[in-house]
Amino acid sequence: MKTRGRGGIASQAIACGGGPWPPHVLLGIGLALLTSAVSRGAEPDVPSPDAGGAAPATARWEAEIADFERQDAKSPPAENGILFVGSSSIRLWKLGDHFADLPVINRGFGGSELADSVHFAPRIVLPYRPRTIVLYAGDNDLARGKSPEMVREDFEAFTRVVHEVLPETRIVFISIKPSPQRWALRSKMRAANQQIRAVAERDPRITFVNVASLMLGADGEPRAELFQADGLHLSAAGYRLWSSLLRPHLE
């Protein structure tokens, strides 16, 4: 039986099986249920935890997630849409400029990791009952010391949270991008992408979109024109490239 309310959906997500769950993910989802039942006031910012299974520093996003919930209460997005979720590459994407003909919803929150999207799924993913989820994260995870294996585990946790409640929802993962600022992490990015691609190849509901190879120039390094001056966030040209690669998977 499908439960429509926020609390019901979240509870269903936890009640279903499907482990093993990484410890930090299991704790994170439990905390999401607790925070959804209390006041939505802003929480103090906290530093990102060290790698090694610690719970993600989700309290830093509480004000932003609560703001999404206020928007939803005033104007609920229609079900069966296309939900974009993840870190700043999602948050800064002007979806209306590229996908004006599609029912898109942007729930990106900058600086977040994959585990954060798992943690907040009961509040900003499952309630929309989207037909497709576009996910970009993993970039910050590796920069903060997580291993490719941990990134893949968090991705698998996200897919389980979604598919245990919404078994027919498609998940489209955009590969971790090679950026000038984080070029030193390219071997870890490549390994994480390979592992997530392997997960996608085992499940027809999951699509891996490889943007990484087309973001490199003839010299094998990131194309500067695809990035802002900080060498990390995408430029308008970068978003045009991503949108062109993604669109065939949304129509």
Protein backbone atom coordinates (compact mmCIF):
# COMPACT_ATOMS: atom_id res chain seq x y z
CA MET A 1 0.00 0.00 0.00
CA LYS A 2 1.33 3.45 -0.92
CA THR A 3 1.17 6.10 1.77
CA ARG A 4 0.84 9.66 0.51
CA GLY A 5 1.80 11.78 3.50
CA ARG A 6 5.38 12.80 4.29
CA GLY A 7 5.54 10.84 7.53
CA GLY A 8 3.95 7.77 5.97
CA ILE A 9 6.32 7.70 3.02
CA ALA A 10 9.33 8.18 5.24
CA SER A 11 8.22 5.45 7.59
CA GLN A 12 7.63 3.10 4.68
CA ALA A 13 11.14 3.76 3.43
CA ILE A 14 12.61 2.68 6.73
CA ALA A 15 10.28 -0.24 7.27
CA CYS A 16 11.21 -1.94 4.00
CA GLY A 17 14.16 -4.29 3.84
CA GLY A 18 16.93 -4.15 1.30
CA GLY A 19 20.12 -3.79 3.32
CA PRO A 20 22.91 -3.92 4.05
CA TRP A 21 22.85 -0.21 4.80
CA PRO A 22 26.05 1.77 5.47
CA PRO A 23 25.91 2.81 9.16
CA HIS A 24 26.07 6.55 8.43
CA VAL A 25 23.21 6.25 5.95
CA LEU A 26 21.03 4.28 8.37
CA LEU A 27 21.60 6.88 11.06
CA GLY A 28 20.99 9.69 8.60
CA ILE A 29 17.60 8.39 7.51
CA GLY A 30 16.56 7.93 11.13
CA LEU A 31 17.51 11.52 11.87
CA ALA A 32 15.49 12.66 8.86
CA LEU A 33 12.36 11.15 10.37
CA LEU A 34 13.06 12.88 13.66
CA THR A 35 13.68 16.30 12.13
CA SER A 36 10.55 16.05 9.97
CA ALA A 37 8.48 15.80 13.17
CA VAL A 38 9.91 18.85 14.91
CA SER A 39 10.30 22.55 14.24
CA ARG A 40 11.88 23.52 10.89
CA GLY A 41 14.09 26.28 12.34
CA ALA A 42 17.66 26.68 11.09
CA GLU A 43 20.30 24.54 12.71
CA PRO A 44 23.86 25.73 13.38
CA ASP A 45 26.36 24.99 10.64
CA VAL A 46 28.73 22.16 11.41
CA PRO A 47 31.86 21.00 9.60
CA SER A 48 31.81 18.01 7.28
CA PRO A 49 32.79 14.83 9.14
CA ASP A 50 35.86 12.79 8.40
CA ALA A 51 35.42 9.75 6.18
CA GLY A 52 35.00 6.39 7.83
CA GLY A 53 31.27 5.87 8.35
CA ALA A 54 30.43 8.95 10.44
CA ALA A 55 26.95 10.43 10.02
CA PRO A 56 26.82 13.21 7.40
CA ALA A 57 26.69 16.79 8.69
CA THR A 58 23.06 17.13 7.65
CA ALA A 59 22.12 19.77 10.24
CA ARG A 60 23.79 22.43 8.09
CA TRP A 61 21.11 21.93 5.41
CA GLU A 62 18.05 22.06 7.67
CA ALA A 63 17.11 25.68 6.86
CA GLU A 64 17.38 25.05 3.11
CA ILE A 65 15.35 21.83 3.25
CA ALA A 66 12.72 23.51 5.41
CA ASP A 67 12.49 26.28 2.81
CA PHE A 68 11.79 23.68 0.11
CA GLU A 69 9.02 22.30 2.30
CA ARG A 70 7.49 25.76 2.73
CA GLN A 71 7.53 26.21 -1.05
CA ASP A 72 5.83 22.85 -1.46
CA ALA A 73 3.15 23.74 1.09
CA LYS A 74 2.29 26.92 -0.84
CA SER A 75 2.52 25.38 -4.30
CA PRO A 76 2.84 21.58 -4.35
CA PRO A 77 4.68 20.29 -7.43
CA ALA A 78 2.68 17.87 -9.53
CA GLU A 79 3.49 14.19 -9.16
CA ASN A 80 5.11 12.22 -12.00
CA GLY A 81 7.57 15.00 -12.78
CA ILE A 82 11.34 15.05 -13.23
CA LEU A 83 13.20 15.79 -10.01
CA PHE A 84 16.75 17.15 -10.03
CA VAL A 85 18.56 16.62 -6.72
CA GLY A 86 22.14 16.79 -5.49
CA SER A 87 24.87 19.34 -4.93
CA SER A 88 25.62 22.81 -6.34
CA SER A 89 25.87 21.59 -9.94
CA ILE A 90 22.14 20.88 -9.61
CA ARG A 91 21.28 23.93 -7.50
CA LEU A 92 22.83 26.37 -9.99
CA TRP A 93 21.27 24.73 -13.06
CA LYS A 94 18.69 27.06 -14.64
CA LEU A 95 16.40 24.23 -15.60
CA GLY A 96 13.80 26.50 -17.12
CA ASP A 97 16.32 27.66 -19.72
CA HIS A 98 17.07 24.13 -20.89
CA PHE A 99 13.98 22.05 -20.11
CA ALA A 100 11.09 24.52 -20.32
CA ASP A 101 8.95 21.88 -22.03
CA LEU A 102 9.40 19.33 -19.24
CA PRO A 103 7.91 19.16 -15.70
CA VAL A 104 11.18 19.71 -13.84
CA ILE A 105 11.71 20.34 -10.12
CA ASN A 106 15.04 21.58 -8.72
CA ARG A 107 15.94 20.44 -5.22
CA GLY A 108 19.70 20.84 -5.31
CA PHE A 109 21.48 22.10 -2.20
CA GLY A 110 25.03 23.28 -2.72
CA GLY A 111 27.94 21.59 -1.01
CA SER A 112 25.96 18.45 -0.26
CA GLU A 113 27.16 14.87 -0.53
CA LEU A 114 25.35 11.75 -1.72
CA ALA A 115 24.62 10.75 1.88
CA ASP A 116 22.81 14.07 2.37
CA SER A 117 20.46 13.29 -0.51
CA VAL A 118 19.78 9.91 1.11
CA HIS A 119 19.13 11.55 4.47
CA PHE A 120 16.68 14.10 3.10
CA ALA A 121 14.96 11.82 0.57
CA PRO A 122 11.88 11.34 2.79
CA ARG A 123 11.38 15.13 2.68
CA ILE A 124 12.50 16.34 -0.77
CA VAL A 125 12.42 13.26 -3.00
CA LEU A 126 9.77 10.70 -2.08
CA PRO A 127 6.85 13.13 -1.52
CA TYR A 128 6.97 14.26 -5.18
CA ARG A 129 6.62 10.71 -6.49
CA PRO A 130 8.70 11.64 -9.57
CA ARG A 131 8.79 9.47 -12.66
CA THR A 132 12.49 10.31 -13.09
CA ILE A 133 15.18 11.53 -10.70
CA VAL A 134 18.31 13.24 -12.02
CA LEU A 135 21.07 12.97 -9.42
CA TYR A 136 24.46 14.66 -9.32
CA ALA A 137 26.68 14.26 -6.27
CA GLY A 138 29.93 12.59 -5.28
CA ASP A 139 32.19 15.46 -6.18
CA ASN A 140 32.20 16.93 -2.67
CA ASP A 141 32.34 13.48 -1.11
CA LEU A 142 35.72 12.68 -2.66
CA ALA A 143 37.07 16.16 -1.90
CA ARG A 144 36.23 15.60 1.78
CA GLY A 145 38.07 12.31 1.97
CA LYS A 146 35.54 9.62 1.12
CA SER A 147 36.74 6.69 -0.93
CA PRO A 148 35.20 5.70 -4.29
CA GLU A 149 33.74 2.66 -2.53
CA MET A 150 31.97 4.85 0.03
CA VAL A 151 30.57 7.03 -2.76
CA ARG A 152 29.24 3.96 -4.54
CA GLU A 153 27.71 2.63 -1.30
CA ASP A 154 25.93 5.95 -0.74
CA PHE A 155 24.63 5.88 -4.31
CA GLU A 156 23.30 2.36 -3.77
CA ALA A 157 21.66 3.54 -0.54
CA PHE A 158 19.93 6.33 -2.46
CA THR A 159 18.59 3.91 -5.05
CA ARG A 160 17.25 1.61 -2.32
CA VAL A 161 15.48 4.45 -0.49
CA VAL A 162 13.81 5.47 -3.74
CA HIS A 163 12.96 2.06 -5.17
CA GLU A 164 11.60 0.60 -1.94
CA VAL A 165 8.86 3.25 -2.05
CA LEU A 166 8.76 4.12 -5.77
CA PRO A 167 9.83 0.93 -7.56
CA GLU A 168 9.11 2.25 -11.06
CA THR A 169 10.96 5.57 -10.72
CA ARG A 170 13.95 5.94 -13.02
CA ILE A 171 17.21 7.31 -11.58
CA VAL A 172 19.60 9.10 -13.91
CA PHE A 173 23.06 9.63 -12.42
CA ILE A 174 25.31 12.26 -14.00
CA SER A 175 28.92 11.16 -13.76
CA ILE A 176 31.24 12.99 -11.40
CA LYS A 177 32.78 15.80 -13.40
CA PRO A 178 36.51 16.40 -13.91
CA SER A 179 37.13 20.00 -12.83
CA PRO A 180 40.33 22.09 -12.81
CA GLN A 181 40.02 22.75 -9.08
CA ARG A 182 39.80 19.04 -8.22
CA TRP A 183 41.93 17.61 -11.00
CA ALA A 184 44.20 15.94 -8.43
CA LEU A 185 41.26 13.68 -7.53
CA ARG A 186 40.74 12.45 -11.10
CA SER A 187 41.79 8.86 -10.37
CA LYS A 188 39.28 8.63 -7.49
CA MET A 189 36.61 10.26 -9.64
CA ARG A 190 37.25 7.75 -12.40
CA ALA A 191 37.05 4.86 -9.95
CA ALA A 192 33.80 6.12 -8.40
CA ASN A 193 32.26 6.64 -11.84
CA GLN A 194 33.25 3.13 -12.91
CA GLN A 195 31.69 1.61 -9.80
CA ILE A 196 28.45 3.58 -10.16
CA ARG A 197 28.25 2.73 -13.87
CA ALA A 198 28.53 -0.96 -12.92
CA VAL A 199 25.60 -0.55 -10.51
CA ALA A 200 23.54 1.10 -13.25
CA GLU A 201 24.30 -1.66 -15.73
CA ARG A 202 22.72 -4.21 -13.35
CA ASP A 203 19.41 -2.35 -13.03
CA PRO A 204 17.36 -1.16 -16.03
CA ARG A 205 15.78 1.54 -13.86
CA ILE A 206 19.16 3.28 -13.44
CA THR A 207 20.94 5.24 -16.16
CA PHE A 208 24.53 6.45 -16.00
CA VAL A 209 25.18 9.54 -18.14
CA ASN A 210 28.87 9.99 -18.86
CA VAL A 211 29.63 13.71 -19.07
CA ALA A 212 33.23 13.35 -17.91
CA SER A 213 34.84 12.28 -21.18
CA LEU A 214 33.32 15.16 -23.16
CA MET A 215 34.49 17.68 -20.56
CA LEU A 216 38.14 16.95 -21.38
CA GLY A 217 40.05 18.65 -24.15
CA ALA A 218 42.52 17.26 -26.66
CA ASP A 219 45.24 17.58 -24.00
CA GLY A 220 43.27 15.25 -21.71
CA GLU A 221 42.57 17.99 -19.16
CA PRO A 222 39.30 19.77 -18.22
CA ARG A 223 38.05 22.28 -20.81
CA ALA A 224 38.33 25.68 -19.15
CA GLU A 225 35.37 27.15 -21.05
CA LEU A 226 33.02 24.71 -19.32
CA PHE A 227 33.77 26.16 -15.88
CA GLN A 228 33.39 29.39 -14.00
CA ALA A 229 36.45 31.30 -12.81
CA ASP A 230 36.64 29.16 -9.66
CA GLY A 231 37.47 26.11 -11.78
CA LEU A 232 34.74 24.08 -10.04
CA HIS A 233 31.25 25.24 -10.92
CA LEU A 234 29.87 24.98 -14.43
CA SER A 235 29.69 27.90 -16.83
CA ALA A 236 26.77 28.50 -19.19
CA ALA A 237 28.64 26.44 -21.78
CA GLY A 238 29.03 23.64 -19.27
CA TYR A 239 25.31 23.54 -18.60
CA ARG A 240 24.53 23.56 -22.31
CA LEU A 241 26.73 20.50 -22.71
CA TRP A 242 25.15 18.70 -19.75
CA SER A 243 21.64 19.54 -20.92
CA SER A 244 22.30 18.20 -24.42
CA LEU A 245 23.66 14.93 -23.02
CA LEU A 246 20.84 14.55 -20.51
CA ARG A 247 17.81 15.44 -22.63
CA PRO A 248 17.60 12.13 -24.55
CA HIS A 249 17.19 10.34 -21.21
CA LEU A 250 14.29 12.55 -20.10
CA GLU A 251 12.01 12.39 -23.15
